[in-house]
Amino acid sequence: MDTKTINKSKSKTNTKTTVADTAFWVASYRAQETLRPDALFHDPYSALLLNERTEQMARSMKPFAKYGYWSVTIRTPIIDDFILRYLQQSCNTVINLGAGLDTRPYRLDLPPETRWIEVDFPDVVAFKSEKLRNETPHCQLERVGLDLSNTDARKNLFAELNNTYGPAILLTEGVTPYLTETDVIQLAQDLYRQPNFNYWINEYYSKDLYPRYQSPKFQSALGDAVFRFFPTDWFGLFEDNGWIKHDIHFLADFAAKHQRSFPLPWWVNLLKRLFGEDKITGKMREYSAYIVFEKKQDYKK
C-alpha cells in the first residue's frame, strides 16, 4: 500500500542528544533482538534505519544499555498485542504520536483496511520515509511531520484526524517521560476533546524508579532528552484529565513468562537466593508497565 507523507512544520537543528535521537537508540535494540534465535518479535526493518546517530546514543547510554534493551524488547510485543486486540474489537485507526522509527505498519499482520498515522519531527519523518521507501506497509499508512510541542498545530491536526478517520487507538511509546506534568495534562485534554479518540496506549513507571531516573548520571547520559514526568499520582493525573485505566500489562510479568528476567546486579541475585525472591524483588514486579487508557465518559473540564 502507498505511504503518504505530510510536513506540517520546520525541523530544528541540535548538536546535543535530543528526544528525536532516542528513536535511533530504540531501533538499534529492536534490530539486535531480531537477530536472537529466541527473539520475542521480528523487526527486519529496524536495521535499515540505523546510522551514526545510533552510535552516538549507544555511547551515551552504555552504562544503562542492558536495562534499556530489556525495557524496549519487553514493551514491544506488549504494545503489539494491545494494538492487534483493539483493532479487532472496536478501532480501525492507529495514531502513533512521537512514532520515531517504529515499523509496526510493516511488520504486524494488520487488517488491510487499517488506517495508521505516524506523527513525529519533520526530520525523523523524512529520514524514515527515505529509508523505507522500497518497503510496503500492511495498512494505509500516513506520516505527518510535526513538532507536537506546537500546541496550536497539534490541536488542528487532532481535529483533522478525528474528522477524517473512524474510532482510533492512540499510541505514545517512549513519549510521556520526556514531557513535564503540565505538558502531559494539556496533551491528555487535547486528545480527550476528539470524539473518535477512544483508547490510548501509554506507559507507566512507579515512584520507586523516580530516584534512578532523576539521578545526575542517568540525566547526563540522556543529554537534552531527560526524563521530566514524575507525577505524585500517575493514574490520578490521567483520570483527572479524562482517561481511566482500562488494561495494564506489567513488563515483569511478560518477561517472566518468556524467561527474560530483568538484568539485576549480581549482589541482588545473591540476596534473592539468601532471603527469597518475594522479599527482595517482589515489589519490582510493578515497577513498569504499559497501559491502555479509556476515555472517561462523565469527564467535564
Foldseek 3Di string as FASTA:
>chain_A
DDEAEAEDDDFDDDPWFALLLVLQCLLVLQCVLLPDPLRPFHDPLSVLQHDVSNVVLCVLCVVCNLQVSLVSRLVVVVVLVVVQVCCVPPFQEEEEEQCRLDDCQQRPQDDAAREYEYEEAPVRRVSNCVSCVVGDGSYHHYYYHDDVVPPVVVLVVLQVCLVPGAAYEYEYPSNQQQDALVVVLSVLQSLLVRPRHFKYKDKDFDLVCVCVLPDPSNQSSNTNRGGHYDDPDVQVSNVLRFWHFDDKDFSQVSCVVSVNHRDDDPVLVVVCVVPNCCVRCVVVSRRMIMTMIGGDPPDDD
